[in-house]
Amino acid sequence: MLAGYNVVIANNGQEAVDKVSAPDANFDLIFMDIEMPVLNGLEATRRIRQREVDLHLARIPIVGLSGNARNVYREEGEDAGMTSFIVKPYNKEDLMRVIQQLTAQMPPQNHPS
């Protein structure tokens, strides 16, 4: 648990898709690195978004993470369906600000007080 949130770690993009697709999955927010092994973060995001469409699920906010500050990476993330984007290096305050912004839009029962 981190700052009142349960954290699940995926070691690659395919594992992220698998964890989000699990029958008992219940995610309020996803941080997705753009450059991950097996399946990159852009393709993993596309697959998660397609699953949401196919199954008529609510969109989970996905925050892209990248060490590259060029706008093309941010645009590719948005095109893939990412909700927001953070450039590395980032700190705890940067993460908490994004978490608070995105979870503030959720019903109160979905996030810690």
N, C-alpha and C. Protein backbone atom coordinates (compact mmCIF):
# COMPACT_ATOMS: atom_id res chain seq x y z
N MET A 1 0.85 -1.17 0.00
CA MET A 1 0.00 0.00 0.00
C MET A 1 0.90 1.24 0.00
N LEU A 2 0.53 2.21 -0.81
CA LEU A 2 1.29 3.45 -0.92
C LEU A 2 0.32 4.61 -0.79
N ALA A 3 0.50 5.43 0.21
CA ALA A 3 -0.33 6.61 0.43
C ALA A 3 -1.82 6.27 0.45
N GLY A 4 -2.15 5.10 1.00
CA GLY A 4 -3.55 4.70 1.09
C GLY A 4 -4.07 3.97 -0.12
N TYR A 5 -3.23 3.73 -1.11
CA TYR A 5 -3.64 3.04 -2.33
C TYR A 5 -2.98 1.68 -2.41
N ASN A 6 -3.71 0.69 -2.89
CA ASN A 6 -3.12 -0.63 -3.16
C ASN A 6 -2.38 -0.53 -4.48
N VAL A 7 -1.18 -1.09 -4.52
CA VAL A 7 -0.34 -1.00 -5.71
C VAL A 7 -0.09 -2.40 -6.25
N VAL A 8 -0.25 -2.55 -7.56
CA VAL A 8 0.03 -3.80 -8.26
C VAL A 8 1.09 -3.49 -9.30
N ILE A 9 2.14 -4.30 -9.35
CA ILE A 9 3.24 -4.05 -10.28
C ILE A 9 3.22 -5.08 -11.40
N ALA A 10 3.39 -4.59 -12.63
CA ALA A 10 3.55 -5.45 -13.79
C ALA A 10 4.96 -5.25 -14.31
N ASN A 11 5.63 -6.32 -14.67
CA ASN A 11 7.01 -6.25 -15.13
C ASN A 11 7.15 -5.97 -16.61
N ASN A 12 6.05 -6.06 -17.35
CA ASN A 12 6.08 -5.75 -18.77
C ASN A 12 4.66 -5.41 -19.23
N GLY A 13 4.53 -4.95 -20.46
CA GLY A 13 3.24 -4.53 -20.96
C GLY A 13 2.21 -5.64 -21.04
N GLN A 14 2.63 -6.83 -21.45
CA GLN A 14 1.69 -7.94 -21.53
C GLN A 14 1.16 -8.31 -20.16
N GLU A 15 2.05 -8.29 -19.18
CA GLU A 15 1.62 -8.58 -17.80
C GLU A 15 0.63 -7.53 -17.31
N ALA A 16 0.83 -6.28 -17.70
CA ALA A 16 -0.11 -5.22 -17.33
C ALA A 16 -1.49 -5.49 -17.92
N VAL A 17 -1.53 -5.84 -19.20
CA VAL A 17 -2.80 -6.15 -19.86
C VAL A 17 -3.46 -7.34 -19.17
N ASP A 18 -2.68 -8.37 -18.87
CA ASP A 18 -3.23 -9.56 -18.21
C ASP A 18 -3.80 -9.22 -16.84
N LYS A 19 -3.11 -8.39 -16.07
CA LYS A 19 -3.58 -8.04 -14.73
C LYS A 19 -4.87 -7.22 -14.80
N VAL A 20 -4.94 -6.30 -15.74
CA VAL A 20 -6.15 -5.48 -15.89
C VAL A 20 -7.31 -6.33 -16.40
N SER A 21 -7.01 -7.36 -17.17
CA SER A 21 -8.03 -8.22 -17.77
C SER A 21 -8.50 -9.35 -16.87
N ALA A 22 -7.84 -9.54 -15.74
CA ALA A 22 -8.22 -10.64 -14.83
C ALA A 22 -9.66 -10.45 -14.36
N PRO A 23 -10.39 -11.56 -14.18
CA PRO A 23 -11.80 -11.47 -13.77
C PRO A 23 -12.03 -10.68 -12.49
N ASP A 24 -11.09 -10.73 -11.56
CA ASP A 24 -11.26 -10.03 -10.29
C ASP A 24 -10.55 -8.67 -10.25
N ALA A 25 -10.10 -8.19 -11.42
CA ALA A 25 -9.37 -6.92 -11.47
C ALA A 25 -10.27 -5.75 -11.12
N ASN A 26 -9.71 -4.81 -10.35
CA ASN A 26 -10.45 -3.62 -9.96
C ASN A 26 -9.45 -2.48 -9.80
N PHE A 27 -9.14 -1.82 -10.90
CA PHE A 27 -8.15 -0.76 -10.89
C PHE A 27 -8.81 0.60 -11.02
N ASP A 28 -8.35 1.56 -10.22
CA ASP A 28 -8.84 2.93 -10.31
C ASP A 28 -7.93 3.79 -11.17
N LEU A 29 -6.68 3.38 -11.33
CA LEU A 29 -5.68 4.18 -12.04
C LEU A 29 -4.53 3.28 -12.45
N ILE A 30 -3.96 3.55 -13.62
CA ILE A 30 -2.81 2.78 -14.11
C ILE A 30 -1.69 3.75 -14.47
N PHE A 31 -0.48 3.46 -14.00
CA PHE A 31 0.73 4.14 -14.46
C PHE A 31 1.39 3.20 -15.44
N MET A 32 1.63 3.66 -16.67
CA MET A 32 2.13 2.80 -17.74
C MET A 32 3.39 3.40 -18.35
N ASP A 33 4.51 2.72 -18.17
CA ASP A 33 5.74 3.15 -18.80
C ASP A 33 5.63 2.94 -20.30
N ILE A 34 6.10 3.89 -21.07
CA ILE A 34 6.02 3.79 -22.53
C ILE A 34 6.92 2.66 -23.05
N GLU A 35 8.11 2.57 -22.50
CA GLU A 35 9.08 1.58 -22.98
C GLU A 35 9.19 0.43 -21.99
N MET A 36 8.40 -0.62 -22.25
CA MET A 36 8.44 -1.82 -21.41
C MET A 36 8.75 -3.00 -22.31
N PRO A 37 9.34 -4.05 -21.72
CA PRO A 37 9.64 -5.24 -22.52
C PRO A 37 8.38 -6.03 -22.87
N VAL A 38 8.52 -6.96 -23.77
CA VAL A 38 7.48 -7.87 -24.23
C VAL A 38 6.42 -7.13 -25.04
N LEU A 39 5.76 -6.15 -24.43
CA LEU A 39 4.73 -5.34 -25.09
C LEU A 39 4.89 -3.93 -24.56
N ASN A 40 5.14 -2.96 -25.45
CA ASN A 40 5.39 -1.60 -24.95
C ASN A 40 4.12 -0.98 -24.37
N GLY A 41 4.29 0.10 -23.65
CA GLY A 41 3.19 0.74 -22.96
C GLY A 41 2.12 1.30 -23.87
N LEU A 42 2.51 1.72 -25.08
CA LEU A 42 1.52 2.24 -26.02
C LEU A 42 0.59 1.13 -26.49
N GLU A 43 1.16 0.00 -26.86
CA GLU A 43 0.33 -1.12 -27.32
C GLU A 43 -0.48 -1.71 -26.16
N ALA A 44 0.11 -1.77 -24.98
CA ALA A 44 -0.64 -2.25 -23.81
C ALA A 44 -1.84 -1.35 -23.56
N THR A 45 -1.66 -0.04 -23.67
CA THR A 45 -2.76 0.90 -23.49
C THR A 45 -3.84 0.69 -24.55
N ARG A 46 -3.42 0.52 -25.80
CA ARG A 46 -4.40 0.27 -26.87
C ARG A 46 -5.23 -0.97 -26.58
N ARG A 47 -4.59 -2.02 -26.10
CA ARG A 47 -5.31 -3.26 -25.80
C ARG A 47 -6.27 -3.10 -24.63
N ILE A 48 -5.84 -2.36 -23.62
CA ILE A 48 -6.73 -2.10 -22.48
C ILE A 48 -7.93 -1.29 -22.94
N ARG A 49 -7.68 -0.26 -23.75
CA ARG A 49 -8.78 0.57 -24.25
C ARG A 49 -9.74 -0.25 -25.13
N GLN A 50 -9.19 -1.13 -25.96
CA GLN A 50 -10.06 -1.95 -26.81
C GLN A 50 -10.92 -2.88 -25.97
N ARG A 51 -10.34 -3.44 -24.93
CA ARG A 51 -11.11 -4.32 -24.02
C ARG A 51 -12.24 -3.55 -23.37
N GLU A 52 -11.95 -2.32 -22.95
CA GLU A 52 -12.99 -1.49 -22.33
C GLU A 52 -14.15 -1.25 -23.31
N VAL A 53 -13.82 -0.99 -24.57
CA VAL A 53 -14.85 -0.78 -25.59
C VAL A 53 -15.63 -2.06 -25.83
N ASP A 54 -14.90 -3.15 -26.02
CA ASP A 54 -15.54 -4.44 -26.34
C ASP A 54 -16.50 -4.90 -25.24
N LEU A 55 -16.11 -4.65 -23.98
CA LEU A 55 -16.91 -5.12 -22.85
C LEU A 55 -17.78 -4.03 -22.22
N HIS A 56 -17.80 -2.84 -22.86
CA HIS A 56 -18.59 -1.71 -22.36
C HIS A 56 -18.22 -1.36 -20.92
N LEU A 57 -16.91 -1.28 -20.67
CA LEU A 57 -16.40 -0.95 -19.34
C LEU A 57 -16.06 0.53 -19.25
N ALA A 58 -16.09 1.06 -18.05
CA ALA A 58 -15.65 2.43 -17.82
C ALA A 58 -14.15 2.53 -18.11
N ARG A 59 -13.74 3.69 -18.61
CA ARG A 59 -12.31 3.90 -18.89
C ARG A 59 -11.54 4.12 -17.60
N ILE A 60 -10.50 3.33 -17.42
CA ILE A 60 -9.58 3.51 -16.29
C ILE A 60 -8.57 4.57 -16.71
N PRO A 61 -8.34 5.59 -15.90
CA PRO A 61 -7.30 6.56 -16.26
C PRO A 61 -5.94 5.86 -16.38
N ILE A 62 -5.24 6.13 -17.47
CA ILE A 62 -3.90 5.58 -17.69
C ILE A 62 -2.94 6.75 -17.84
N VAL A 63 -1.93 6.78 -16.98
CA VAL A 63 -0.92 7.83 -16.99
C VAL A 63 0.35 7.27 -17.62
N GLY A 64 0.75 7.85 -18.73
CA GLY A 64 1.97 7.43 -19.41
C GLY A 64 3.20 7.99 -18.71
N LEU A 65 4.24 7.17 -18.66
CA LEU A 65 5.52 7.58 -18.07
C LEU A 65 6.62 7.41 -19.12
N SER A 66 7.45 8.43 -19.27
CA SER A 66 8.54 8.34 -20.25
C SER A 66 9.72 9.19 -19.81
N GLY A 67 10.89 8.73 -20.18
CA GLY A 67 12.10 9.50 -19.94
C GLY A 67 12.35 10.50 -21.05
N ASN A 68 11.51 10.51 -22.06
CA ASN A 68 11.68 11.41 -23.20
C ASN A 68 10.65 12.53 -23.13
N ALA A 69 11.12 13.76 -23.10
CA ALA A 69 10.23 14.91 -22.93
C ALA A 69 9.70 15.45 -24.25
N ARG A 70 10.07 14.86 -25.37
CA ARG A 70 9.62 15.37 -26.66
C ARG A 70 8.10 15.21 -26.79
N ASN A 71 7.48 16.19 -27.41
CA ASN A 71 6.02 16.19 -27.56
C ASN A 71 5.51 14.99 -28.32
N VAL A 72 6.32 14.43 -29.21
CA VAL A 72 5.86 13.28 -30.00
C VAL A 72 5.49 12.11 -29.10
N TYR A 73 6.20 11.93 -28.00
CA TYR A 73 5.90 10.84 -27.07
C TYR A 73 4.57 11.09 -26.36
N ARG A 74 4.36 12.32 -25.97
CA ARG A 74 3.09 12.69 -25.32
C ARG A 74 1.93 12.48 -26.31
N GLU A 75 2.12 12.90 -27.55
CA GLU A 75 1.07 12.76 -28.57
C GLU A 75 0.79 11.29 -28.86
N GLU A 76 1.83 10.46 -28.94
CA GLU A 76 1.64 9.03 -29.16
C GLU A 76 0.86 8.40 -28.00
N GLY A 77 1.17 8.84 -26.79
CA GLY A 77 0.44 8.36 -25.62
C GLY A 77 -1.03 8.73 -25.67
N GLU A 78 -1.31 9.96 -26.02
CA GLU A 78 -2.70 10.41 -26.15
C GLU A 78 -3.41 9.62 -27.24
N ASP A 79 -2.74 9.42 -28.38
CA ASP A 79 -3.33 8.67 -29.49
C ASP A 79 -3.64 7.22 -29.09
N ALA A 80 -2.81 6.66 -28.22
CA ALA A 80 -3.01 5.28 -27.76
C ALA A 80 -4.14 5.20 -26.73
N GLY A 81 -4.51 6.34 -26.14
CA GLY A 81 -5.59 6.35 -25.16
C GLY A 81 -5.17 6.70 -23.75
N MET A 82 -3.94 7.19 -23.59
CA MET A 82 -3.50 7.58 -22.25
C MET A 82 -4.22 8.85 -21.83
N THR A 83 -4.54 8.93 -20.56
CA THR A 83 -5.29 10.05 -20.00
C THR A 83 -4.39 11.23 -19.68
N SER A 84 -3.17 10.93 -19.24
CA SER A 84 -2.24 11.94 -18.78
C SER A 84 -0.83 11.42 -19.04
N PHE A 85 0.17 12.26 -18.77
CA PHE A 85 1.55 11.90 -19.11
C PHE A 85 2.49 12.58 -18.12
N ILE A 86 3.48 11.84 -17.64
CA ILE A 86 4.51 12.38 -16.75
C ILE A 86 5.88 12.04 -17.36
N VAL A 87 6.77 13.03 -17.37
CA VAL A 87 8.12 12.82 -17.88
C VAL A 87 9.04 12.52 -16.72
N LYS A 88 9.89 11.49 -16.88
CA LYS A 88 10.89 11.15 -15.88
C LYS A 88 12.03 12.15 -15.98
N PRO A 89 12.74 12.44 -14.93
CA PRO A 89 12.51 11.93 -13.59
C PRO A 89 11.34 12.66 -12.94
N TYR A 90 10.63 11.96 -12.12
CA TYR A 90 9.52 12.53 -11.37
C TYR A 90 9.72 12.17 -9.91
N ASN A 91 8.99 12.84 -9.05
CA ASN A 91 9.12 12.55 -7.62
C ASN A 91 7.75 12.17 -7.05
N LYS A 92 7.73 11.86 -5.79
CA LYS A 92 6.49 11.44 -5.13
C LYS A 92 5.41 12.50 -5.24
N GLU A 93 5.80 13.76 -5.11
CA GLU A 93 4.82 14.84 -5.19
C GLU A 93 4.17 14.90 -6.58
N ASP A 94 4.97 14.67 -7.63
CA ASP A 94 4.42 14.63 -8.99
C ASP A 94 3.39 13.52 -9.12
N LEU A 95 3.72 12.34 -8.61
CA LEU A 95 2.80 11.21 -8.67
C LEU A 95 1.53 11.48 -7.87
N MET A 96 1.68 12.00 -6.67
CA MET A 96 0.53 12.26 -5.82
C MET A 96 -0.38 13.33 -6.44
N ARG A 97 0.21 14.33 -7.10
CA ARG A 97 -0.60 15.37 -7.74
C ARG A 97 -1.47 14.75 -8.85
N VAL A 98 -0.89 13.88 -9.66
CA VAL A 98 -1.65 13.23 -10.73
C VAL A 98 -2.71 12.31 -10.14
N ILE A 99 -2.35 11.55 -9.12
CA ILE A 99 -3.32 10.65 -8.47
C ILE A 99 -4.49 11.47 -7.94
N GLN A 100 -4.20 12.56 -7.25
CA GLN A 100 -5.27 13.38 -6.67
C GLN A 100 -6.14 14.00 -7.76
N GLN A 101 -5.52 14.48 -8.84
CA GLN A 101 -6.30 15.08 -9.93
C GLN A 101 -7.24 14.06 -10.56
N LEU A 102 -6.73 12.88 -10.83
CA LEU A 102 -7.53 11.89 -11.54
C LEU A 102 -8.55 11.20 -10.63
N THR A 103 -8.20 10.98 -9.37
CA THR A 103 -9.15 10.32 -8.48
C THR A 103 -10.20 11.29 -7.95
N ALA A 104 -9.94 12.58 -8.02
CA ALA A 104 -10.93 13.57 -7.59
C ALA A 104 -12.17 13.50 -8.48
N GLN A 105 -12.01 12.97 -9.68
CA GLN A 105 -13.12 12.86 -10.62
C GLN A 105 -13.95 11.60 -10.39
N MET A 106 -13.50 10.73 -9.47
CA MET A 106 -14.18 9.46 -9.20
C MET A 106 -15.17 9.61 -8.06
N PRO A 107 -16.17 8.74 -8.02
CA PRO A 107 -17.07 8.73 -6.86
C PRO A 107 -16.27 8.48 -5.57
N PRO A 108 -16.65 9.05 -4.44
CA PRO A 108 -15.89 8.96 -3.20
C PRO A 108 -15.59 7.53 -2.75
N GLN A 109 -16.45 6.57 -3.01
CA GLN A 109 -16.20 5.22 -2.52
C GLN A 109 -15.04 4.53 -3.26
N ASN A 110 -14.58 5.10 -4.37
CA ASN A 110 -13.53 4.46 -5.16
C ASN A 110 -12.12 4.83 -4.76
N HIS A 111 -11.95 5.77 -3.87
CA HIS A 111 -10.59 6.15 -3.48
C HIS A 111 -10.53 6.54 -2.02
N PRO A 112 -9.32 6.44 -1.43
CA PRO A 112 -9.17 6.76 -0.01
C PRO A 112 -9.46 8.23 0.26
N SER A 113 -9.88 8.52 1.47
CA SER A 113 -10.13 9.92 1.87
C SER A 113 -8.85 10.58 2.30
